[in-house]
Amino acid sequence: MHEDVIRVSNQSVTKPTGEMYVVYFSSTSNNTHRFIQKLNIKNTRIPYDLSEEILVAKDYVLICPTYGGGGNDYKGAVPKQVIKFLNNNQNRQFCRGVIASGNTNFGDTFAVAGPILSKKLQVPLLYQFELLGTPHDVQTIKKILSDFWKE
């Protein structure tokens, strides 16, 4: 699974333009939401309620938690709300990269939403972090995003 991801060094990667911007999903636990707040980057949250919709019309990086079981169980790894958001062509076309969170207790399926989305959207997997992330993860992601947005 992880060998399939797109790398930033790939010549076909479209780099983002404009202001640094992330779109993210966080469940009612708010783990991802709390992490996003630490980044201090302009952002939009994908609604938890499946009846709500948002449209994005500028380049962004998607930050997504991983759901599901572990082992070889990839079913349900990408939250339904993220799937619904990405089912809109406009939202898909502005995604330039993916960052995923997960739980290392799930072994090979740790943060597997990232590789799944990278492959599906043909965008680079930029980083994977555990649960709420650490201060090191915050600094690393800020640097990755800053470098990714540079020409």
N, C-alpha and C. Protein backbone atom coordinates (compact mmCIF):
# COMPACT_ATOMS: atom_id res chain seq x y z
N MET A 1 0.82 -1.21 0.00
CA MET A 1 0.00 0.00 0.00
C MET A 1 0.86 1.26 0.00
N HIS A 2 1.84 1.36 0.90
CA HIS A 2 2.62 2.58 1.01
C HIS A 2 3.57 2.80 -0.17
N GLU A 3 3.92 1.75 -0.87
CA GLU A 3 4.80 1.91 -2.02
C GLU A 3 4.07 2.57 -3.19
N ASP A 4 2.74 2.64 -3.13
CA ASP A 4 1.94 3.22 -4.20
C ASP A 4 1.81 4.74 -4.11
N VAL A 5 2.22 5.34 -3.02
CA VAL A 5 1.96 6.77 -2.83
C VAL A 5 2.78 7.61 -3.80
N ILE A 6 2.25 8.78 -4.07
CA ILE A 6 2.92 9.74 -4.94
C ILE A 6 3.95 10.50 -4.07
N ARG A 7 5.12 10.70 -4.59
CA ARG A 7 6.18 11.43 -3.88
C ARG A 7 6.24 12.88 -4.36
N VAL A 8 6.59 13.79 -3.47
CA VAL A 8 6.69 15.20 -3.84
C VAL A 8 7.72 15.39 -4.94
N SER A 9 8.75 14.58 -4.96
CA SER A 9 9.79 14.70 -5.98
C SER A 9 9.32 14.27 -7.37
N ASN A 10 8.15 13.66 -7.45
CA ASN A 10 7.60 13.23 -8.73
C ASN A 10 7.35 14.47 -9.61
N GLN A 11 7.83 14.44 -10.85
CA GLN A 11 7.72 15.59 -11.76
C GLN A 11 6.27 15.98 -12.04
N SER A 12 5.35 15.04 -11.94
CA SER A 12 3.96 15.33 -12.29
C SER A 12 3.17 15.97 -11.14
N VAL A 13 3.81 16.19 -9.99
CA VAL A 13 3.12 16.78 -8.85
C VAL A 13 2.85 18.26 -9.12
N THR A 14 1.59 18.66 -8.94
CA THR A 14 1.21 20.06 -9.07
C THR A 14 1.34 20.72 -7.71
N LYS A 15 2.25 21.68 -7.61
CA LYS A 15 2.46 22.39 -6.35
C LYS A 15 1.33 23.40 -6.15
N PRO A 16 0.97 23.64 -4.89
CA PRO A 16 -0.10 24.61 -4.61
C PRO A 16 0.36 26.04 -4.84
N THR A 17 -0.60 26.89 -5.13
CA THR A 17 -0.34 28.32 -5.27
C THR A 17 -1.26 29.07 -4.30
N GLY A 18 -0.97 30.34 -4.14
CA GLY A 18 -1.78 31.16 -3.23
C GLY A 18 -1.33 30.98 -1.79
N GLU A 19 -2.22 31.30 -0.90
CA GLU A 19 -1.97 31.24 0.55
C GLU A 19 -2.01 29.80 1.06
N MET A 20 -1.13 29.48 2.03
CA MET A 20 -1.17 28.15 2.64
C MET A 20 -2.55 27.90 3.23
N TYR A 21 -3.10 26.71 2.96
CA TYR A 21 -4.48 26.44 3.34
C TYR A 21 -4.67 24.94 3.50
N VAL A 22 -5.32 24.54 4.57
CA VAL A 22 -5.64 23.13 4.78
C VAL A 22 -7.15 22.95 4.94
N VAL A 23 -7.61 21.82 4.46
CA VAL A 23 -8.98 21.36 4.68
C VAL A 23 -8.83 20.09 5.50
N TYR A 24 -9.66 19.94 6.52
CA TYR A 24 -9.49 18.78 7.40
C TYR A 24 -10.83 18.25 7.87
N PHE A 25 -10.79 17.00 8.33
CA PHE A 25 -11.95 16.41 8.98
C PHE A 25 -11.55 16.04 10.40
N SER A 26 -12.47 16.27 11.31
CA SER A 26 -12.29 15.84 12.69
C SER A 26 -13.62 15.34 13.19
N SER A 27 -13.60 14.18 13.84
CA SER A 27 -14.82 13.63 14.40
C SER A 27 -15.20 14.42 15.66
N THR A 28 -16.19 13.95 16.36
CA THR A 28 -16.63 14.62 17.58
C THR A 28 -15.58 14.55 18.69
N SER A 29 -14.58 13.69 18.54
CA SER A 29 -13.49 13.65 19.52
C SER A 29 -12.64 14.92 19.45
N ASN A 30 -12.67 15.57 18.30
CA ASN A 30 -11.92 16.81 18.04
C ASN A 30 -10.40 16.65 18.08
N ASN A 31 -9.89 15.44 18.00
CA ASN A 31 -8.43 15.25 18.01
C ASN A 31 -7.76 16.00 16.86
N THR A 32 -8.26 15.80 15.65
CA THR A 32 -7.66 16.47 14.50
C THR A 32 -7.87 17.97 14.59
N HIS A 33 -9.03 18.39 15.05
CA HIS A 33 -9.32 19.83 15.21
C HIS A 33 -8.29 20.48 16.14
N ARG A 34 -8.02 19.86 17.27
CA ARG A 34 -7.04 20.42 18.21
C ARG A 34 -5.65 20.50 17.57
N PHE A 35 -5.32 19.50 16.78
CA PHE A 35 -4.02 19.52 16.09
C PHE A 35 -3.96 20.67 15.09
N ILE A 36 -5.01 20.85 14.33
CA ILE A 36 -5.06 21.92 13.31
C ILE A 36 -4.88 23.29 13.97
N GLN A 37 -5.49 23.48 15.12
CA GLN A 37 -5.37 24.77 15.82
C GLN A 37 -3.92 25.09 16.15
N LYS A 38 -3.12 24.07 16.43
CA LYS A 38 -1.70 24.28 16.76
C LYS A 38 -0.90 24.72 15.53
N LEU A 39 -1.38 24.39 14.33
CA LEU A 39 -0.66 24.76 13.11
C LEU A 39 -0.76 26.25 12.81
N ASN A 40 -1.86 26.87 13.25
CA ASN A 40 -2.07 28.30 13.01
C ASN A 40 -1.98 28.63 11.51
N ILE A 41 -2.68 27.84 10.72
CA ILE A 41 -2.73 28.00 9.26
C ILE A 41 -4.20 28.13 8.89
N LYS A 42 -4.48 28.95 7.90
CA LYS A 42 -5.85 29.10 7.43
C LYS A 42 -6.43 27.73 7.09
N ASN A 43 -7.68 27.49 7.51
CA ASN A 43 -8.24 26.15 7.35
C ASN A 43 -9.75 26.16 7.23
N THR A 44 -10.28 25.05 6.75
CA THR A 44 -11.71 24.79 6.71
C THR A 44 -11.94 23.37 7.17
N ARG A 45 -12.96 23.21 8.01
CA ARG A 45 -13.30 21.89 8.53
C ARG A 45 -14.42 21.27 7.71
N ILE A 46 -14.24 20.03 7.30
CA ILE A 46 -15.29 19.28 6.62
C ILE A 46 -16.35 18.97 7.67
N PRO A 47 -17.62 19.29 7.39
CA PRO A 47 -18.67 19.08 8.40
C PRO A 47 -18.82 17.61 8.81
N TYR A 48 -19.12 17.42 10.08
CA TYR A 48 -19.39 16.08 10.59
C TYR A 48 -20.74 15.58 10.08
N ASP A 49 -21.70 16.48 10.00
CA ASP A 49 -23.05 16.15 9.53
C ASP A 49 -23.02 15.91 8.02
N LEU A 50 -23.37 14.69 7.61
CA LEU A 50 -23.31 14.32 6.19
C LEU A 50 -24.27 15.13 5.31
N SER A 51 -25.25 15.80 5.91
CA SER A 51 -26.19 16.58 5.10
C SER A 51 -25.62 17.96 4.76
N GLU A 52 -24.55 18.36 5.43
CA GLU A 52 -23.92 19.66 5.15
C GLU A 52 -22.86 19.50 4.07
N GLU A 53 -22.71 20.55 3.26
CA GLU A 53 -21.71 20.51 2.20
C GLU A 53 -20.87 21.77 2.22
N ILE A 54 -19.62 21.64 1.81
CA ILE A 54 -18.76 22.79 1.60
C ILE A 54 -18.11 22.66 0.23
N LEU A 55 -17.75 23.79 -0.35
CA LEU A 55 -17.03 23.82 -1.62
C LEU A 55 -15.74 24.58 -1.40
N VAL A 56 -14.67 24.07 -1.95
CA VAL A 56 -13.37 24.72 -1.85
C VAL A 56 -12.95 25.12 -3.26
N ALA A 57 -12.49 26.38 -3.39
CA ALA A 57 -12.12 26.89 -4.71
C ALA A 57 -10.70 27.45 -4.71
N LYS A 58 -9.82 26.85 -3.91
CA LYS A 58 -8.41 27.24 -3.93
C LYS A 58 -7.58 26.04 -3.51
N ASP A 59 -6.30 26.07 -3.84
CA ASP A 59 -5.41 24.95 -3.54
C ASP A 59 -5.34 24.71 -2.03
N TYR A 60 -5.33 23.43 -1.67
CA TYR A 60 -5.28 23.05 -0.26
C TYR A 60 -4.58 21.71 -0.10
N VAL A 61 -4.19 21.44 1.15
CA VAL A 61 -3.72 20.12 1.56
C VAL A 61 -4.79 19.55 2.48
N LEU A 62 -5.15 18.31 2.26
CA LEU A 62 -6.16 17.61 3.05
C LEU A 62 -5.50 16.93 4.25
N ILE A 63 -6.03 17.16 5.43
CA ILE A 63 -5.57 16.47 6.64
C ILE A 63 -6.72 15.61 7.13
N CYS A 64 -6.45 14.31 7.21
CA CYS A 64 -7.52 13.34 7.45
C CYS A 64 -7.11 12.29 8.49
N PRO A 65 -7.97 12.04 9.47
CA PRO A 65 -7.71 10.93 10.39
C PRO A 65 -8.03 9.61 9.71
N THR A 66 -7.50 8.53 10.26
CA THR A 66 -7.78 7.19 9.75
C THR A 66 -8.72 6.48 10.70
N TYR A 67 -9.77 5.91 10.15
CA TYR A 67 -10.69 5.09 10.92
C TYR A 67 -10.40 3.63 10.58
N GLY A 68 -10.97 2.73 11.33
CA GLY A 68 -10.87 1.33 10.95
C GLY A 68 -10.05 0.50 11.89
N GLY A 69 -9.89 -0.75 11.48
CA GLY A 69 -9.47 -1.78 12.38
C GLY A 69 -8.04 -2.19 12.49
N GLY A 70 -7.29 -2.27 11.46
CA GLY A 70 -5.94 -2.82 11.56
C GLY A 70 -5.85 -4.10 10.76
N GLY A 71 -4.69 -4.72 10.83
CA GLY A 71 -4.47 -5.91 10.01
C GLY A 71 -4.48 -5.50 8.55
N ASN A 72 -5.22 -6.22 7.74
CA ASN A 72 -5.38 -5.86 6.34
C ASN A 72 -6.73 -5.22 6.08
N ASP A 73 -7.35 -4.70 7.11
CA ASP A 73 -8.68 -4.12 7.00
C ASP A 73 -8.59 -2.64 6.65
N TYR A 74 -8.78 -2.32 5.37
CA TYR A 74 -8.75 -0.93 4.91
C TYR A 74 -10.16 -0.35 4.81
N LYS A 75 -11.17 -1.20 4.93
CA LYS A 75 -12.55 -0.76 4.77
C LYS A 75 -12.89 0.27 5.84
N GLY A 76 -13.41 1.39 5.42
CA GLY A 76 -13.80 2.43 6.35
C GLY A 76 -12.66 3.28 6.85
N ALA A 77 -11.45 3.11 6.29
CA ALA A 77 -10.30 3.88 6.76
C ALA A 77 -10.47 5.38 6.51
N VAL A 78 -11.06 5.74 5.38
CA VAL A 78 -11.32 7.14 5.06
C VAL A 78 -12.74 7.47 5.54
N PRO A 79 -12.87 8.47 6.42
CA PRO A 79 -14.20 8.81 6.94
C PRO A 79 -15.20 9.14 5.83
N LYS A 80 -16.45 8.76 6.04
CA LYS A 80 -17.51 8.99 5.04
C LYS A 80 -17.64 10.47 4.68
N GLN A 81 -17.43 11.32 5.64
CA GLN A 81 -17.55 12.77 5.40
C GLN A 81 -16.49 13.24 4.41
N VAL A 82 -15.29 12.66 4.50
CA VAL A 82 -14.21 13.02 3.58
C VAL A 82 -14.53 12.48 2.18
N ILE A 83 -15.04 11.27 2.12
CA ILE A 83 -15.44 10.70 0.82
C ILE A 83 -16.50 11.58 0.17
N LYS A 84 -17.50 11.99 0.94
CA LYS A 84 -18.56 12.85 0.39
C LYS A 84 -17.97 14.16 -0.10
N PHE A 85 -17.10 14.78 0.68
CA PHE A 85 -16.46 16.03 0.28
C PHE A 85 -15.70 15.85 -1.04
N LEU A 86 -14.97 14.76 -1.15
CA LEU A 86 -14.16 14.52 -2.35
C LEU A 86 -14.97 14.01 -3.54
N ASN A 87 -16.19 13.59 -3.31
CA ASN A 87 -17.05 13.19 -4.43
C ASN A 87 -17.44 14.39 -5.29
N ASN A 88 -17.24 15.59 -4.77
CA ASN A 88 -17.47 16.80 -5.55
C ASN A 88 -16.20 17.09 -6.35
N ASN A 89 -16.33 17.13 -7.66
CA ASN A 89 -15.18 17.32 -8.54
C ASN A 89 -14.40 18.59 -8.22
N GLN A 90 -15.08 19.68 -7.91
CA GLN A 90 -14.39 20.93 -7.59
C GLN A 90 -13.50 20.75 -6.37
N ASN A 91 -14.00 20.09 -5.34
CA ASN A 91 -13.20 19.86 -4.14
C ASN A 91 -11.98 18.98 -4.44
N ARG A 92 -12.17 17.98 -5.28
CA ARG A 92 -11.05 17.09 -5.65
C ARG A 92 -9.97 17.84 -6.42
N GLN A 93 -10.38 18.68 -7.36
CA GLN A 93 -9.41 19.29 -8.27
C GLN A 93 -8.47 20.27 -7.58
N PHE A 94 -8.82 20.79 -6.41
CA PHE A 94 -7.95 21.74 -5.72
C PHE A 94 -7.06 21.08 -4.67
N CYS A 95 -7.22 19.79 -4.44
CA CYS A 95 -6.38 19.09 -3.45
C CYS A 95 -4.99 18.87 -4.05
N ARG A 96 -3.96 19.31 -3.32
CA ARG A 96 -2.59 19.21 -3.81
C ARG A 96 -1.73 18.22 -3.03
N GLY A 97 -2.21 17.77 -1.88
CA GLY A 97 -1.46 16.83 -1.07
C GLY A 97 -2.30 16.34 0.09
N VAL A 98 -1.79 15.31 0.77
CA VAL A 98 -2.52 14.68 1.87
C VAL A 98 -1.59 14.47 3.06
N ILE A 99 -2.14 14.72 4.25
CA ILE A 99 -1.49 14.39 5.52
C ILE A 99 -2.51 13.55 6.28
N ALA A 100 -2.06 12.48 6.92
CA ALA A 100 -3.00 11.60 7.63
C ALA A 100 -2.54 11.34 9.05
N SER A 101 -3.53 11.16 9.91
CA SER A 101 -3.24 10.75 11.28
C SER A 101 -3.75 9.33 11.48
N GLY A 102 -3.25 8.69 12.52
CA GLY A 102 -3.67 7.34 12.82
C GLY A 102 -3.14 6.90 14.16
N ASN A 103 -3.26 5.62 14.42
CA ASN A 103 -2.83 5.03 15.68
C ASN A 103 -1.84 3.92 15.37
N THR A 104 -0.63 4.02 15.91
CA THR A 104 0.40 3.01 15.62
C THR A 104 0.01 1.63 16.13
N ASN A 105 -0.97 1.54 17.03
CA ASN A 105 -1.44 0.23 17.49
C ASN A 105 -2.01 -0.61 16.35
N PHE A 106 -2.36 0.05 15.23
CA PHE A 106 -2.96 -0.67 14.11
C PHE A 106 -1.93 -1.15 13.10
N GLY A 107 -0.64 -1.10 13.46
CA GLY A 107 0.42 -1.69 12.64
C GLY A 107 0.46 -1.18 11.22
N ASP A 108 0.36 -2.10 10.26
CA ASP A 108 0.47 -1.75 8.84
C ASP A 108 -0.61 -0.79 8.36
N THR A 109 -1.69 -0.68 9.09
CA THR A 109 -2.75 0.24 8.66
C THR A 109 -2.66 1.58 9.39
N PHE A 110 -1.53 1.84 10.06
CA PHE A 110 -1.31 3.14 10.69
C PHE A 110 -1.49 4.25 9.66
N ALA A 111 -2.40 5.17 9.92
CA ALA A 111 -2.63 6.34 9.07
C ALA A 111 -2.83 5.97 7.60
N VAL A 112 -3.44 4.83 7.35
CA VAL A 112 -3.58 4.31 5.98
C VAL A 112 -4.53 5.16 5.14
N ALA A 113 -5.32 6.03 5.74
CA ALA A 113 -6.14 6.94 4.95
C ALA A 113 -5.25 7.78 4.03
N GLY A 114 -4.04 8.09 4.49
CA GLY A 114 -3.11 8.88 3.68
C GLY A 114 -2.73 8.21 2.37
N PRO A 115 -2.18 7.00 2.42
CA PRO A 115 -1.86 6.32 1.17
C PRO A 115 -3.08 6.06 0.28
N ILE A 116 -4.21 5.76 0.88
CA ILE A 116 -5.42 5.53 0.09
C ILE A 116 -5.79 6.79 -0.68
N LEU A 117 -5.80 7.93 0.02
CA LEU A 117 -6.18 9.20 -0.62
C LEU A 117 -5.12 9.66 -1.62
N SER A 118 -3.85 9.48 -1.29
CA SER A 118 -2.77 9.86 -2.21
C SER A 118 -2.93 9.14 -3.55
N LYS A 119 -3.15 7.85 -3.47
CA LYS A 119 -3.30 7.05 -4.68
C LYS A 119 -4.57 7.44 -5.46
N LYS A 120 -5.68 7.58 -4.75
CA LYS A 120 -6.96 7.90 -5.38
C LYS A 120 -6.93 9.28 -6.05
N LEU A 121 -6.35 10.27 -5.36
CA LEU A 121 -6.35 11.64 -5.86
C LEU A 121 -5.13 11.97 -6.72
N GLN A 122 -4.14 11.05 -6.74
CA GLN A 122 -2.90 11.28 -7.48
C GLN A 122 -2.18 12.54 -7.00
N VAL A 123 -2.11 12.67 -5.66
CA VAL A 123 -1.39 13.77 -5.02
C VAL A 123 -0.41 13.16 -4.02
N PRO A 124 0.63 13.91 -3.63
CA PRO A 124 1.61 13.34 -2.71
C PRO A 124 1.10 13.16 -1.29
N LEU A 125 1.56 12.09 -0.66
CA LEU A 125 1.37 11.89 0.78
C LEU A 125 2.52 12.64 1.44
N LEU A 126 2.20 13.70 2.17
CA LEU A 126 3.22 14.58 2.71
C LEU A 126 3.73 14.16 4.08
N TYR A 127 2.85 13.52 4.89
CA TYR A 127 3.25 13.20 6.26
C TYR A 127 2.17 12.35 6.92
N GLN A 128 2.58 11.57 7.91
CA GLN A 128 1.66 10.80 8.74
C GLN A 128 2.06 11.03 10.20
N PHE A 129 1.07 11.22 11.06
CA PHE A 129 1.36 11.42 12.47
C PHE A 129 0.38 10.64 13.33
N GLU A 130 0.74 10.44 14.59
CA GLU A 130 -0.09 9.65 15.48
C GLU A 130 -1.03 10.52 16.31
N LEU A 131 -2.30 10.11 16.33
CA LEU A 131 -3.34 10.67 17.18
C LEU A 131 -3.35 12.19 17.22
N LEU A 132 -3.01 12.78 18.36
CA LEU A 132 -3.04 14.24 18.51
C LEU A 132 -1.78 14.91 18.00
N GLY A 133 -0.79 14.13 17.62
CA GLY A 133 0.47 14.70 17.17
C GLY A 133 1.28 15.23 18.34
N THR A 134 2.54 15.46 18.09
CA THR A 134 3.46 15.99 19.10
C THR A 134 3.88 17.40 18.67
N PRO A 135 4.52 18.14 19.56
CA PRO A 135 5.06 19.44 19.13
C PRO A 135 6.01 19.29 17.93
N HIS A 136 6.76 18.19 17.89
CA HIS A 136 7.64 17.93 16.74
C HIS A 136 6.82 17.78 15.46
N ASP A 137 5.69 17.07 15.53
CA ASP A 137 4.83 16.91 14.35
C ASP A 137 4.31 18.27 13.87
N VAL A 138 3.94 19.14 14.81
CA VAL A 138 3.44 20.47 14.45
C VAL A 138 4.51 21.22 13.68
N GLN A 139 5.74 21.26 14.20
CA GLN A 139 6.83 21.97 13.54
C GLN A 139 7.17 21.34 12.19
N THR A 140 7.17 20.01 12.13
CA THR A 140 7.48 19.30 10.89
C THR A 140 6.45 19.61 9.82
N ILE A 141 5.19 19.56 10.18
CA ILE A 141 4.13 19.83 9.19
C ILE A 141 4.16 21.29 8.74
N LYS A 142 4.41 22.21 9.64
CA LYS A 142 4.52 23.62 9.24
C LYS A 142 5.63 23.78 8.20
N LYS A 143 6.75 23.13 8.43
CA LYS A 143 7.89 23.21 7.48
C LYS A 143 7.54 22.53 6.16
N ILE A 144 6.94 21.35 6.24
CA ILE A 144 6.55 20.64 5.01
C ILE A 144 5.60 21.50 4.17
N LEU A 145 4.60 22.08 4.81
CA LEU A 145 3.63 22.90 4.08
C LEU A 145 4.29 24.15 3.50
N SER A 146 5.14 24.79 4.29
CA SER A 146 5.84 25.99 3.81
C SER A 146 6.71 25.65 2.60
N ASP A 147 7.46 24.57 2.68
CA ASP A 147 8.31 24.15 1.55
C ASP A 147 7.47 23.73 0.34
N PHE A 148 6.36 23.07 0.60
CA PHE A 148 5.49 22.60 -0.49
C PHE A 148 4.88 23.76 -1.26
N TRP A 149 4.57 24.85 -0.56
CA TRP A 149 3.95 26.00 -1.21
C TRP A 149 4.98 26.85 -1.97
N LYS A 150 6.26 26.71 -1.66
CA LYS A 150 7.27 27.50 -2.36
C LYS A 150 7.43 27.00 -3.78
N GLU A 151 7.72 27.93 -4.67
CA GLU A 151 7.95 27.58 -6.09
C GLU A 151 9.29 26.88 -6.22
